Protein backbone atom coordinates (compact mmCIF):
# COMPACT_ATOMS: atom_id res chain seq x y z
CA UNK A 1 -120.20 -53.67 -126.03
CA UNK A 2 -121.25 -53.84 -129.65
CA UNK A 3 -119.36 -53.35 -132.92
CA UNK A 4 -118.76 -49.59 -132.76
CA UNK A 5 -117.38 -49.65 -129.23
CA UNK A 6 -115.09 -52.59 -129.97
CA UNK A 7 -113.78 -50.82 -133.06
CA UNK A 8 -113.27 -47.57 -131.16
CA UNK A 9 -111.54 -49.29 -128.26
CA UNK A 10 -108.96 -50.71 -130.66
CA UNK A 11 -107.32 -47.27 -130.61
CA UNK A 12 -106.81 -47.15 -134.37
CA UNK A 13 -104.44 -50.13 -134.45
CA UNK A 14 -105.51 -52.14 -137.53
CA UNK A 15 -104.72 -55.69 -136.36
CA UNK A 16 -106.23 -54.98 -132.94
CA UNK A 17 -109.39 -53.74 -134.67
CA UNK A 18 -109.59 -56.89 -136.79
CA UNK A 19 -109.22 -59.17 -133.77
CA UNK A 20 -111.62 -57.08 -131.72
CA UNK A 21 -114.34 -57.24 -134.38
CA UNK A 22 -114.03 -60.94 -135.27
CA UNK A 23 -113.63 -62.18 -131.68
CA UNK A 24 -117.22 -63.39 -131.19
CA UNK A 25 -116.80 -65.62 -134.26
CA UNK A 26 -113.53 -67.24 -133.12
CA UNK A 27 -114.10 -70.22 -130.86
CA UNK A 28 -111.71 -72.03 -128.52
CA UNK A 29 -108.20 -72.70 -129.73
CA UNK A 30 -108.98 -71.19 -133.14
CA UNK A 31 -107.56 -67.93 -131.73
CA UNK A 32 -104.13 -69.55 -131.98
CA UNK A 33 -104.50 -69.72 -135.77
CA UNK A 34 -104.23 -65.93 -136.08
CA UNK A 35 -101.26 -63.58 -136.21
CA UNK A 36 -100.17 -62.56 -132.72
CA UNK A 37 -101.43 -58.97 -132.94
CA UNK A 38 -104.86 -60.10 -134.11
CA UNK A 39 -104.86 -62.55 -131.21
CA UNK A 40 -104.25 -59.57 -128.94
CA UNK A 41 -107.36 -57.94 -130.38
CA UNK A 42 -109.39 -61.09 -129.75
CA UNK A 43 -108.21 -61.14 -126.13
CA UNK A 44 -108.91 -57.42 -125.72
CA UNK A 45 -112.48 -57.92 -126.94
CA UNK A 46 -113.09 -60.58 -124.32
CA UNK A 47 -111.62 -58.44 -121.54
CA UNK A 48 -113.85 -55.53 -122.58
CA UNK A 49 -116.91 -57.79 -122.54
CA UNK A 50 -116.12 -59.12 -119.07
CA UNK A 51 -115.50 -55.63 -117.68
CA UNK A 52 -118.75 -54.38 -119.20
CA UNK A 53 -120.94 -57.31 -118.26
CA UNK A 54 -119.84 -57.33 -114.62
CA UNK A 55 -119.91 -53.57 -114.02
CA UNK A 56 -122.58 -52.28 -111.61
CA UNK A 57 -123.55 -49.43 -113.94
CA UNK A 58 -124.22 -51.92 -116.73
CA UNK A 59 -126.38 -53.89 -114.31
CA UNK A 60 -128.29 -50.69 -113.64
CA UNK A 61 -128.74 -50.10 -117.37
CA UNK A 62 -129.91 -53.68 -117.93
CA UNK A 63 -132.58 -53.23 -115.27
CA UNK A 64 -134.68 -51.18 -117.70
CA UNK A 65 -134.96 -54.20 -120.02
CA UNK A 66 -134.59 -57.16 -117.69
CA UNK A 67 -138.25 -57.66 -116.74
CA UNK A 68 -139.30 -58.00 -120.38
CA UNK A 69 -136.16 -59.46 -121.96
CA UNK A 70 -134.32 -61.42 -119.26
CA UNK A 71 -130.84 -62.41 -120.41
CA UNK A 72 -131.31 -60.47 -123.65
CA UNK A 73 -131.05 -57.25 -121.63
CA UNK A 74 -127.27 -57.56 -122.00
CA UNK A 75 -127.14 -57.61 -125.82
CA UNK A 76 -129.73 -54.82 -125.93
CA UNK A 77 -127.56 -52.63 -123.69
CA UNK A 78 -124.55 -53.36 -125.91
CA UNK A 79 -126.46 -51.76 -128.79
CA UNK A 80 -127.67 -48.89 -126.60
CA UNK A 81 -124.12 -48.09 -125.50
CA UNK A 82 -123.05 -47.92 -129.16
CA UNK A 83 -125.78 -45.35 -129.80
CA UNK A 84 -124.55 -43.07 -127.07
CA UNK A 85 -120.93 -43.56 -128.10
CA UNK A 86 -121.81 -42.55 -131.66
CA UNK A 87 -123.40 -39.37 -130.27
CA UNK A 88 -120.71 -38.63 -127.67
CA UNK A 89 -119.02 -35.31 -128.55
CA UNK A 90 -116.04 -36.20 -126.35
CA UNK A 91 -115.30 -39.16 -128.66
CA UNK A 92 -116.74 -37.94 -131.98
CA UNK A 93 -117.06 -34.13 -132.06
CA UNK A 94 -119.37 -34.16 -135.08
CA UNK A 95 -120.99 -36.59 -137.54
CA UNK A 96 -118.11 -36.15 -139.98
CA UNK A 97 -115.59 -37.46 -137.45
CA UNK A 98 -117.73 -40.54 -136.88
CA UNK A 99 -118.09 -41.04 -140.63
CA UNK A 100 -114.32 -40.80 -141.08
CA UNK A 101 -113.73 -43.28 -138.28
CA UNK A 102 -116.18 -45.83 -139.65
CA UNK A 103 -114.69 -45.60 -143.13
CA UNK A 104 -111.21 -46.11 -141.74
CA UNK A 105 -112.39 -49.12 -139.74
CA UNK A 106 -113.92 -50.78 -142.79
CA UNK A 107 -110.66 -50.29 -144.68
CA UNK A 108 -108.69 -51.84 -141.81
CA UNK A 109 -111.00 -54.84 -141.78
CA UNK A 110 -111.04 -55.24 -145.55
CA UNK A 111 -107.26 -55.35 -145.65
CA UNK A 112 -107.31 -58.58 -143.61
CA UNK A 113 -110.54 -60.16 -144.85
CA UNK A 114 -108.68 -63.27 -145.96
CA UNK A 115 -108.45 -64.06 -142.23
CA UNK A 116 -112.15 -63.60 -141.45
CA UNK A 117 -114.04 -66.52 -139.88
CA UNK A 118 -116.80 -67.72 -142.23
CA UNK A 119 -119.68 -66.10 -140.32
CA UNK A 120 -117.97 -62.72 -140.11
CA UNK A 121 -117.00 -62.97 -143.77
CA UNK A 122 -120.70 -63.29 -144.63
CA UNK A 123 -121.67 -60.43 -142.32
CA UNK A 124 -118.99 -57.90 -143.25
CA UNK A 125 -120.30 -56.87 -146.72
CA UNK A 126 -123.65 -55.92 -145.13
CA UNK A 127 -121.94 -54.10 -142.26
CA UNK A 128 -119.92 -52.05 -144.73
CA UNK A 129 -122.51 -51.39 -147.43
CA UNK A 130 -125.18 -50.41 -144.88
CA UNK A 131 -122.64 -48.58 -142.69
CA UNK A 132 -123.79 -50.17 -139.46
CA UNK A 133 -121.10 -48.45 -137.41
CA UNK A 134 -122.34 -45.00 -138.40
CA UNK A 135 -126.04 -45.77 -138.18
CA UNK A 136 -125.89 -46.61 -134.49
CA UNK A 137 -126.03 -42.82 -134.23
CA UNK A 138 -129.71 -42.66 -135.20
CA UNK A 139 -132.81 -43.95 -133.46
CA UNK A 140 -133.73 -45.72 -136.70
CA UNK A 141 -130.37 -47.49 -136.57
CA UNK A 142 -131.11 -48.70 -133.05
CA UNK A 143 -134.58 -49.87 -134.08
CA UNK A 144 -133.02 -51.87 -136.92
CA UNK A 145 -130.30 -53.27 -134.64
CA UNK A 146 -132.87 -54.45 -132.09
CA UNK A 147 -134.79 -56.22 -134.84
CA UNK A 148 -131.60 -57.76 -136.22
CA UNK A 149 -130.78 -59.05 -132.76
CA UNK A 150 -134.24 -60.59 -132.48
CA UNK A 151 -133.83 -62.35 -135.84
CA UNK A 152 -130.57 -63.94 -134.72
CA UNK A 153 -131.87 -64.82 -131.22
CA UNK A 154 -134.89 -67.01 -131.90
CA UNK A 155 -136.18 -66.91 -128.31
CA UNK A 156 -135.98 -63.15 -127.81
CA UNK A 157 -139.39 -61.46 -127.33
CA UNK A 158 -140.66 -58.98 -129.90
CA UNK A 159 -138.16 -56.07 -130.00
CA UNK A 160 -140.85 -53.38 -130.38
CA UNK A 161 -141.16 -53.14 -126.59
CA UNK A 162 -137.38 -52.86 -126.29
CA UNK A 163 -137.38 -49.86 -128.61
CA UNK A 164 -140.21 -48.27 -126.62
CA UNK A 165 -138.19 -48.76 -123.44
CA UNK A 166 -135.14 -47.28 -125.14
CA UNK A 167 -137.12 -44.16 -125.98
CA UNK A 168 -138.94 -43.75 -122.67
CA UNK A 169 -135.77 -44.39 -120.62
CA UNK A 170 -133.48 -42.51 -123.01
CA UNK A 171 -132.09 -39.99 -120.52
CA UNK A 172 -131.55 -42.59 -117.80
CA UNK A 173 -129.74 -44.88 -120.23
CA UNK A 174 -127.65 -41.96 -121.47
CA UNK A 175 -126.68 -41.21 -117.89
CA UNK A 176 -125.58 -44.84 -117.40
CA UNK A 177 -123.41 -44.60 -120.52
CA UNK A 178 -121.91 -41.26 -119.43
CA UNK A 179 -120.92 -42.64 -116.03
CA UNK A 180 -119.62 -45.92 -117.44
CA UNK A 181 -117.75 -45.26 -120.68
CA UNK A 182 -114.78 -43.24 -119.36
CA UNK A 183 -113.84 -46.06 -117.00
CA UNK A 184 -114.22 -48.60 -119.81
CA UNK A 185 -111.99 -46.55 -122.10
CA UNK A 186 -109.31 -46.31 -119.41
CA UNK A 187 -109.59 -50.04 -118.75
CA UNK A 188 -109.32 -50.94 -122.44
CA UNK A 189 -106.26 -48.75 -122.92
CA UNK A 190 -104.48 -50.30 -119.94
CA UNK A 191 -105.60 -53.78 -120.97
CA UNK A 192 -104.26 -53.30 -124.47
CA UNK A 193 -100.84 -52.67 -122.97
CA UNK A 194 -101.17 -55.69 -120.69
CA UNK A 195 -102.57 -58.07 -123.30
CA UNK A 196 -99.67 -57.39 -125.66
CA UNK A 197 -97.43 -59.28 -123.24
CA UNK A 198 -99.61 -62.41 -123.27
CA UNK A 199 -98.04 -65.20 -125.41
CA UNK A 200 -101.09 -66.11 -127.47
CA UNK A 201 -99.12 -68.14 -129.98
CA UNK A 202 -100.19 -68.39 -133.59
CA UNK A 203 -98.59 -67.00 -136.73
CA UNK A 204 -96.36 -63.92 -136.77
């Protein structure tokens, strides 16, 4: 899953949200340098990614991109899932509720930015000023996200075809999201309870 889903699946717990959002930038034993609750968020992020990446519905969703993008089908689907989450009335009844959630998430992150890994510290001002979490809602936001992914992944093919596939397979991809996300949400909630018992170490 991408940034919006990881933020949402932190269940409005600030330290969990921080850990969940910085997890990809924390390598190896560095996770032990963080307060315990942030460490729980880091672990939750990784559990969510494993559940998502190995789920048969995600494999089905990736199939629409796999022929043209190979292993990059996974990151593309992460972005696609965020789009459908942002437009899911069961999670965000209207644009205002999504806007309120994204603003709250940025505040939670900003309150602990002294703990950000260097790469996330450089990324966060752009995320906040451009409101990435909200703009997954629009097709333009997905177009921009695909191009941003291609800039960071030097061997990824031109993302224009990916956006065309996103549009032509829109309803099929939406169906994959609709069948997958409830089980992911249930998993993340149960995992958050379980992960809080894991002795990650680090600062209190």
